[in-house]
Amino acid sequence: MRKTTVKKTKFFKGEKFIYFILVCLLIAIPVVNVYTKALLSESNIKLEQVNSKIEKQQNVNESLNMQIDELVSLENIQQVASDFGLSYNNDNIKTIE
């Protein structure tokens, strides 16, 4: 009977290192890809929250501007003046430019 011998393959210098780097890259690339997509998703959520806050503040600002316009109207000024016993005299109004 003949003995069969199994030959071990010998790695050349640096070949193990190259294989190690390849395995690390094959593992690291998907992990980095998932991580970056998670960061992108988180930043998109924060962006939407900020946009929502901006829209709410714009609505509040528009409402306040409308209230200011109502309070500054000539009719309102005349009403307040009459409530305090004052008269509206157009000759006393001075415009500063």
Protein backbone atom coordinates (compact mmCIF):
# COMPACT_ATOMS: atom_id res chain seq x y z
CA MET A 1 0.00 0.00 0.00
CA ARG A 2 1.07 3.37 -0.80
CA LYS A 3 0.91 6.25 1.63
CA THR A 4 -0.65 9.36 0.33
CA THR A 5 0.90 12.46 1.61
CA VAL A 6 -0.98 15.70 1.78
CA LYS A 7 1.10 18.63 0.74
CA LYS A 8 0.58 21.82 2.62
CA THR A 9 0.49 24.88 0.48
CA LYS A 10 3.05 27.37 1.55
CA PHE A 11 2.20 31.02 1.47
CA PHE A 12 4.67 33.40 -0.05
CA LYS A 13 6.02 36.36 1.85
CA GLY A 14 3.26 38.87 2.48
CA GLU A 15 0.53 36.68 0.98
CA LYS A 16 -1.09 36.14 4.37
CA PHE A 17 -1.08 39.88 4.90
CA ILE A 18 -2.77 40.47 1.54
CA TYR A 19 -5.46 37.88 2.34
CA PHE A 20 -5.98 39.46 5.74
CA ILE A 21 -6.42 42.91 4.18
CA LEU A 22 -8.88 41.51 1.62
CA VAL A 23 -10.99 39.84 4.32
CA CYS A 24 -10.96 43.04 6.37
CA LEU A 25 -12.10 45.05 3.36
CA LEU A 26 -14.86 42.59 2.55
CA ILE A 27 -16.15 42.96 6.11
CA ALA A 28 -15.55 46.71 6.49
CA ILE A 29 -17.17 47.93 3.27
CA PRO A 30 -20.75 46.80 4.09
CA VAL A 31 -20.40 47.92 7.70
CA VAL A 32 -19.27 51.39 6.64
CA ASN A 33 -22.05 51.53 4.05
CA VAL A 34 -24.74 50.77 6.65
CA TYR A 35 -23.21 53.24 9.10
CA THR A 36 -23.17 56.10 6.58
CA LYS A 37 -26.77 55.40 5.55
CA ALA A 38 -27.80 55.48 9.21
CA LEU A 39 -26.07 58.84 9.67
CA LEU A 40 -27.76 60.18 6.54
CA SER A 41 -31.14 59.00 7.77
CA GLU A 42 -30.61 60.61 11.17
CA SER A 43 -29.59 63.93 9.62
CA ASN A 44 -32.63 63.84 7.32
CA ILE A 45 -34.91 63.35 10.32
CA LYS A 46 -33.30 66.31 12.10
CA LEU A 47 -33.64 68.41 8.93
CA GLU A 48 -37.35 67.64 8.70
CA GLN A 49 -37.80 68.58 12.37
CA VAL A 50 -36.05 71.90 11.81
CA ASN A 51 -38.13 72.56 8.69
CA SER A 52 -41.28 71.85 10.67
CA LYS A 53 -40.22 74.31 13.38
CA ILE A 54 -39.45 76.93 10.72
CA GLU A 55 -42.89 76.52 9.14
CA LYS A 56 -44.59 76.84 12.53
CA GLN A 57 -42.61 80.00 13.33
CA GLN A 58 -43.43 81.48 9.92
CA ASN A 59 -47.12 80.88 10.58
CA VAL A 60 -46.83 82.58 13.98
CA ASN A 61 -44.99 85.50 12.39
CA GLU A 62 -47.66 85.90 9.71
CA SER A 63 -50.38 85.83 12.36
CA LEU A 64 -48.58 88.49 14.41
CA ASN A 65 -48.08 90.66 11.32
CA MET A 66 -51.80 90.45 10.61
CA GLN A 67 -52.56 91.49 14.20
CA ILE A 68 -50.14 94.42 13.89
CA ASP A 69 -51.83 95.54 10.67
CA GLU A 70 -55.23 95.39 12.38
CA LEU A 71 -54.03 97.36 15.40
CA VAL A 72 -52.34 100.02 13.27
CA SER A 73 -55.40 100.64 11.11
CA LEU A 74 -56.86 104.14 11.09
CA GLU A 75 -60.21 102.90 12.38
CA ASN A 76 -58.60 101.31 15.42
CA ILE A 77 -56.58 104.43 16.15
CA GLN A 78 -59.72 106.57 16.00
CA GLN A 79 -61.58 104.15 18.26
CA VAL A 80 -58.79 104.13 20.87
CA ALA A 81 -58.56 107.91 20.70
CA SER A 82 -62.29 108.30 21.25
CA ASP A 83 -62.17 105.78 24.15
CA PHE A 84 -59.64 107.98 25.94
CA GLY A 85 -61.49 111.18 25.12
CA LEU A 86 -59.02 112.33 22.51
CA SER A 87 -59.80 113.67 19.08
CA TYR A 88 -58.12 112.77 15.84
CA ASN A 89 -56.68 115.90 14.29
CA ASN A 90 -54.92 115.32 11.00
CA ASP A 91 -53.09 118.69 11.25
CA ASN A 92 -51.17 117.50 14.34
CA ILE A 93 -49.69 114.46 12.57
CA LYS A 94 -46.13 114.92 11.41
CA THR A 95 -44.38 112.47 9.12
CA ILE A 96 -40.67 111.96 9.58
CA GLU A 97 -38.80 110.61 6.58
